[in-house]
Amino acid sequence: MNLEEIKASVKKDEFVLSQHAHEERQAESISIDDIKTAILNGEVIESYPEDKRGESCLILGYSNVRPIHIVCGRAKIGWLKIITVYIPSRPKWITPKQRYKGGK
């Protein structure tokens, strides 16, 4: 997925959250503004071009110095779809950019 297209969708508020993303953001106290800020200053750290649900990617961005991971793809209507959001942490993540070996 193209990061500039993702950012453009966020700037135009043309995105939707999956039910899972909504539940995860609430559980981790991540606001919609946090998600937008993290995407707009973020970078793609993993791409999933062959995902069975459609092409997607993992973005790492920051909001108030807190790292946030956002997995996004495209919704059927063409808008950006936020699939999930979470704070990267151990045991799966050593750092916000580095997975624990074998820790999918």
N, C-alpha and C. Protein backbone atom coordinates (compact mmCIF):
# COMPACT_ATOMS: atom_id res chain seq x y z
N MET A 1 0.84 -1.18 0.00
CA MET A 1 0.00 0.00 0.00
C MET A 1 0.88 1.25 0.00
N ASN A 2 0.39 2.26 -0.63
CA ASN A 2 1.14 3.49 -0.77
C ASN A 2 0.87 4.40 0.44
N LEU A 3 1.93 4.75 1.16
CA LEU A 3 1.80 5.55 2.38
C LEU A 3 1.20 6.93 2.09
N GLU A 4 1.55 7.53 0.97
CA GLU A 4 1.00 8.85 0.66
C GLU A 4 -0.51 8.78 0.42
N GLU A 5 -0.98 7.72 -0.21
CA GLU A 5 -2.42 7.54 -0.41
C GLU A 5 -3.12 7.32 0.93
N ILE A 6 -2.48 6.57 1.82
CA ILE A 6 -3.04 6.33 3.16
C ILE A 6 -3.17 7.66 3.90
N LYS A 7 -2.11 8.46 3.88
CA LYS A 7 -2.13 9.76 4.56
C LYS A 7 -3.19 10.67 3.96
N ALA A 8 -3.34 10.64 2.64
CA ALA A 8 -4.35 11.48 1.98
C ALA A 8 -5.75 11.08 2.45
N SER A 9 -6.00 9.78 2.58
CA SER A 9 -7.31 9.32 3.07
C SER A 9 -7.57 9.82 4.48
N VAL A 10 -6.55 9.79 5.32
CA VAL A 10 -6.71 10.24 6.70
C VAL A 10 -6.98 11.75 6.73
N LYS A 11 -6.26 12.51 5.93
CA LYS A 11 -6.45 13.96 5.89
C LYS A 11 -7.86 14.33 5.45
N LYS A 12 -8.47 13.50 4.59
CA LYS A 12 -9.83 13.75 4.10
C LYS A 12 -10.89 13.06 4.98
N ASP A 13 -10.45 12.43 6.07
CA ASP A 13 -11.36 11.67 6.93
C ASP A 13 -12.11 10.59 6.16
N GLU A 14 -11.44 9.98 5.20
CA GLU A 14 -12.03 8.90 4.41
C GLU A 14 -11.46 7.57 4.88
N PHE A 15 -11.83 7.21 6.11
CA PHE A 15 -11.40 5.94 6.67
C PHE A 15 -12.48 5.41 7.59
N VAL A 16 -12.46 4.08 7.76
CA VAL A 16 -13.39 3.41 8.66
C VAL A 16 -12.58 2.49 9.57
N LEU A 17 -13.12 2.25 10.75
CA LEU A 17 -12.49 1.32 11.69
C LEU A 17 -13.28 0.02 11.71
N SER A 18 -12.57 -1.10 11.69
CA SER A 18 -13.25 -2.37 11.87
C SER A 18 -13.73 -2.45 13.32
N GLN A 19 -14.63 -3.36 13.57
CA GLN A 19 -15.10 -3.55 14.95
C GLN A 19 -13.91 -3.92 15.84
N HIS A 20 -13.02 -4.77 15.32
CA HIS A 20 -11.84 -5.19 16.08
C HIS A 20 -10.96 -3.98 16.42
N ALA A 21 -10.73 -3.10 15.44
CA ALA A 21 -9.91 -1.91 15.69
C ALA A 21 -10.55 -1.02 16.74
N HIS A 22 -11.86 -0.88 16.66
CA HIS A 22 -12.57 -0.06 17.64
C HIS A 22 -12.42 -0.64 19.05
N GLU A 23 -12.57 -1.94 19.18
CA GLU A 23 -12.43 -2.58 20.50
C GLU A 23 -11.00 -2.47 21.02
N GLU A 24 -10.03 -2.69 20.15
CA GLU A 24 -8.62 -2.62 20.56
C GLU A 24 -8.23 -1.20 20.96
N ARG A 25 -8.69 -0.21 20.21
CA ARG A 25 -8.32 1.17 20.55
C ARG A 25 -8.91 1.57 21.89
N GLN A 26 -10.11 1.12 22.19
CA GLN A 26 -10.71 1.41 23.48
C GLN A 26 -9.95 0.71 24.60
N ALA A 27 -9.58 -0.54 24.38
CA ALA A 27 -8.86 -1.31 25.41
C ALA A 27 -7.49 -0.70 25.73
N GLU A 28 -6.88 -0.05 24.73
CA GLU A 28 -5.54 0.52 24.93
C GLU A 28 -5.58 2.05 25.07
N SER A 29 -6.76 2.62 25.22
CA SER A 29 -6.93 4.07 25.36
C SER A 29 -6.27 4.84 24.22
N ILE A 30 -6.56 4.41 23.00
CA ILE A 30 -6.06 5.07 21.80
C ILE A 30 -7.24 5.82 21.17
N SER A 31 -7.12 7.12 21.06
CA SER A 31 -8.20 7.92 20.49
C SER A 31 -8.12 7.93 18.95
N ILE A 32 -9.19 8.37 18.34
CA ILE A 32 -9.20 8.53 16.88
C ILE A 32 -8.13 9.55 16.49
N ASP A 33 -7.98 10.63 17.26
CA ASP A 33 -6.93 11.61 16.98
C ASP A 33 -5.54 10.99 17.09
N ASP A 34 -5.34 10.07 18.05
CA ASP A 34 -4.06 9.37 18.17
C ASP A 34 -3.78 8.57 16.90
N ILE A 35 -4.79 7.89 16.39
CA ILE A 35 -4.64 7.08 15.18
C ILE A 35 -4.27 7.98 14.00
N LYS A 36 -4.99 9.07 13.84
CA LYS A 36 -4.71 9.99 12.74
C LYS A 36 -3.31 10.56 12.84
N THR A 37 -2.91 11.01 14.03
CA THR A 37 -1.57 11.57 14.23
C THR A 37 -0.50 10.53 13.93
N ALA A 38 -0.70 9.30 14.41
CA ALA A 38 0.29 8.24 14.19
C ALA A 38 0.43 7.92 12.70
N ILE A 39 -0.67 7.88 11.98
CA ILE A 39 -0.58 7.60 10.54
C ILE A 39 0.12 8.75 9.82
N LEU A 40 -0.23 9.97 10.16
CA LEU A 40 0.33 11.13 9.45
C LEU A 40 1.82 11.31 9.69
N ASN A 41 2.34 10.81 10.83
CA ASN A 41 3.79 10.91 11.04
C ASN A 41 4.45 9.54 10.95
N GLY A 42 3.70 8.56 10.48
CA GLY A 42 4.17 7.17 10.51
C GLY A 42 4.93 6.71 9.29
N GLU A 43 5.33 5.45 9.38
CA GLU A 43 6.04 4.79 8.28
C GLU A 43 5.54 3.35 8.20
N VAL A 44 5.53 2.82 6.99
CA VAL A 44 5.16 1.42 6.80
C VAL A 44 6.35 0.56 7.22
N ILE A 45 6.13 -0.33 8.19
CA ILE A 45 7.23 -1.20 8.63
C ILE A 45 7.05 -2.64 8.16
N GLU A 46 5.85 -3.01 7.73
CA GLU A 46 5.61 -4.32 7.14
C GLU A 46 4.52 -4.18 6.09
N SER A 47 4.68 -4.89 4.99
CA SER A 47 3.66 -4.91 3.93
C SER A 47 3.15 -6.33 3.77
N TYR A 48 1.86 -6.44 3.52
CA TYR A 48 1.23 -7.75 3.33
C TYR A 48 0.48 -7.74 2.00
N PRO A 49 1.21 -7.75 0.88
CA PRO A 49 0.56 -7.64 -0.43
C PRO A 49 -0.30 -8.86 -0.79
N GLU A 50 -0.02 -9.99 -0.20
CA GLU A 50 -0.73 -11.22 -0.55
C GLU A 50 -1.74 -11.64 0.50
N ASP A 51 -2.10 -10.77 1.42
CA ASP A 51 -3.06 -11.13 2.47
C ASP A 51 -4.37 -11.59 1.84
N LYS A 52 -4.93 -12.66 2.36
CA LYS A 52 -6.15 -13.24 1.78
C LYS A 52 -7.34 -12.29 1.85
N ARG A 53 -7.30 -11.32 2.77
CA ARG A 53 -8.39 -10.34 2.88
C ARG A 53 -8.15 -9.11 2.03
N GLY A 54 -7.03 -9.09 1.32
CA GLY A 54 -6.67 -7.94 0.50
C GLY A 54 -5.37 -7.32 0.99
N GLU A 55 -4.71 -6.61 0.12
CA GLU A 55 -3.44 -5.97 0.46
C GLU A 55 -3.60 -5.10 1.71
N SER A 56 -2.59 -5.19 2.58
CA SER A 56 -2.61 -4.39 3.80
C SER A 56 -1.17 -4.10 4.22
N CYS A 57 -1.03 -3.29 5.26
CA CYS A 57 0.30 -2.97 5.76
C CYS A 57 0.22 -2.60 7.24
N LEU A 58 1.38 -2.63 7.88
CA LEU A 58 1.53 -2.24 9.28
C LEU A 58 2.29 -0.92 9.32
N ILE A 59 1.66 0.06 9.94
CA ILE A 59 2.28 1.39 10.09
C ILE A 59 2.69 1.57 11.54
N LEU A 60 3.88 2.11 11.74
CA LEU A 60 4.33 2.54 13.06
C LEU A 60 4.33 4.06 13.06
N GLY A 61 3.61 4.63 13.99
CA GLY A 61 3.59 6.07 14.15
C GLY A 61 3.55 6.40 15.63
N TYR A 62 3.65 7.67 15.94
CA TYR A 62 3.68 8.10 17.33
C TYR A 62 2.63 9.17 17.58
N SER A 63 2.06 9.12 18.77
CA SER A 63 1.17 10.17 19.24
C SER A 63 1.56 10.45 20.68
N ASN A 64 1.97 11.68 20.94
CA ASN A 64 2.46 12.05 22.28
C ASN A 64 3.54 11.09 22.76
N VAL A 65 4.51 10.84 21.93
CA VAL A 65 5.67 9.95 22.14
C VAL A 65 5.30 8.48 22.37
N ARG A 66 4.05 8.14 22.30
CA ARG A 66 3.63 6.75 22.47
C ARG A 66 3.59 6.07 21.10
N PRO A 67 4.31 4.94 20.94
CA PRO A 67 4.27 4.24 19.65
C PRO A 67 2.92 3.55 19.47
N ILE A 68 2.42 3.60 18.25
CA ILE A 68 1.15 2.96 17.92
C ILE A 68 1.34 2.20 16.61
N HIS A 69 0.88 0.96 16.60
CA HIS A 69 0.83 0.18 15.37
C HIS A 69 -0.58 0.23 14.82
N ILE A 70 -0.67 0.43 13.51
CA ILE A 70 -1.95 0.48 12.81
C ILE A 70 -1.85 -0.44 11.60
N VAL A 71 -2.71 -1.43 11.55
CA VAL A 71 -2.79 -2.29 10.37
C VAL A 71 -3.95 -1.77 9.54
N CYS A 72 -3.67 -1.48 8.27
CA CYS A 72 -4.73 -0.94 7.43
C CYS A 72 -4.73 -1.57 6.05
N GLY A 73 -5.89 -1.51 5.43
CA GLY A 73 -6.12 -1.99 4.08
C GLY A 73 -7.13 -1.07 3.42
N ARG A 74 -7.83 -1.59 2.44
CA ARG A 74 -8.86 -0.81 1.76
C ARG A 74 -10.23 -1.44 2.00
N ALA A 75 -11.20 -0.61 2.32
CA ALA A 75 -12.58 -1.05 2.46
C ALA A 75 -13.18 -1.21 1.07
N LYS A 76 -14.28 -1.94 0.98
CA LYS A 76 -14.94 -2.16 -0.31
C LYS A 76 -15.36 -0.86 -0.97
N ILE A 77 -15.63 0.17 -0.18
CA ILE A 77 -16.04 1.46 -0.75
C ILE A 77 -14.85 2.29 -1.22
N GLY A 78 -13.63 1.74 -1.07
CA GLY A 78 -12.44 2.44 -1.52
C GLY A 78 -11.75 3.27 -0.45
N TRP A 79 -12.41 3.45 0.68
CA TRP A 79 -11.80 4.19 1.77
C TRP A 79 -10.74 3.34 2.46
N LEU A 80 -9.91 4.01 3.24
CA LEU A 80 -8.94 3.32 4.08
C LEU A 80 -9.69 2.56 5.17
N LYS A 81 -9.26 1.33 5.43
CA LYS A 81 -9.87 0.55 6.52
C LYS A 81 -8.80 0.29 7.57
N ILE A 82 -9.07 0.74 8.79
CA ILE A 82 -8.19 0.46 9.92
C ILE A 82 -8.62 -0.91 10.45
N ILE A 83 -7.76 -1.89 10.29
CA ILE A 83 -8.09 -3.27 10.66
C ILE A 83 -7.87 -3.50 12.14
N THR A 84 -6.76 -3.00 12.65
CA THR A 84 -6.49 -3.06 14.09
C THR A 84 -5.50 -1.98 14.47
N VAL A 85 -5.50 -1.64 15.74
CA VAL A 85 -4.54 -0.69 16.31
C VAL A 85 -4.13 -1.22 17.68
N TYR A 86 -2.87 -1.01 18.03
CA TYR A 86 -2.39 -1.47 19.33
C TYR A 86 -1.07 -0.81 19.66
N ILE A 87 -0.70 -0.90 20.92
CA ILE A 87 0.60 -0.43 21.39
C ILE A 87 1.56 -1.63 21.30
N PRO A 88 2.64 -1.52 20.52
CA PRO A 88 3.55 -2.65 20.42
C PRO A 88 4.26 -2.90 21.76
N SER A 89 4.28 -4.16 22.17
CA SER A 89 4.90 -4.47 23.46
C SER A 89 5.41 -5.92 23.46
N ARG A 90 6.18 -6.23 24.47
CA ARG A 90 6.67 -7.59 24.65
C ARG A 90 5.50 -8.50 25.00
N PRO A 91 5.49 -9.72 24.66
CA PRO A 91 6.59 -10.50 24.12
C PRO A 91 6.71 -10.44 22.60
N LYS A 92 5.72 -9.93 21.88
CA LYS A 92 5.77 -9.94 20.42
C LYS A 92 6.76 -8.94 19.84
N TRP A 93 6.95 -7.83 20.51
CA TRP A 93 7.80 -6.76 19.98
C TRP A 93 8.93 -6.45 20.94
N ILE A 94 10.17 -6.44 20.44
CA ILE A 94 11.34 -6.07 21.23
C ILE A 94 11.41 -4.54 21.32
N THR A 95 11.23 -3.90 20.17
CA THR A 95 11.12 -2.45 20.06
C THR A 95 9.91 -2.19 19.16
N PRO A 96 9.47 -0.95 19.05
CA PRO A 96 8.33 -0.69 18.16
C PRO A 96 8.54 -1.13 16.71
N LYS A 97 9.80 -1.25 16.28
CA LYS A 97 10.09 -1.67 14.90
C LYS A 97 10.55 -3.11 14.77
N GLN A 98 10.91 -3.75 15.86
CA GLN A 98 11.53 -5.07 15.78
C GLN A 98 10.69 -6.12 16.49
N ARG A 99 10.24 -7.10 15.69
CA ARG A 99 9.49 -8.23 16.25
C ARG A 99 10.44 -9.16 16.99
N TYR A 100 9.92 -9.79 18.01
CA TYR A 100 10.64 -10.88 18.65
C TYR A 100 10.72 -11.99 17.63
N LYS A 101 11.84 -12.67 17.50
CA LYS A 101 12.03 -13.72 16.50
C LYS A 101 10.93 -14.77 16.65
N GLY A 102 10.18 -14.96 15.58
CA GLY A 102 9.10 -15.94 15.59
C GLY A 102 7.85 -15.43 16.28
N GLY A 103 7.80 -14.14 16.62
CA GLY A 103 6.67 -13.61 17.38
C GLY A 103 5.60 -12.95 16.53
N LYS A 104 4.94 -13.72 15.68
CA LYS A 104 3.84 -13.14 14.88
C LYS A 104 2.59 -13.06 15.68
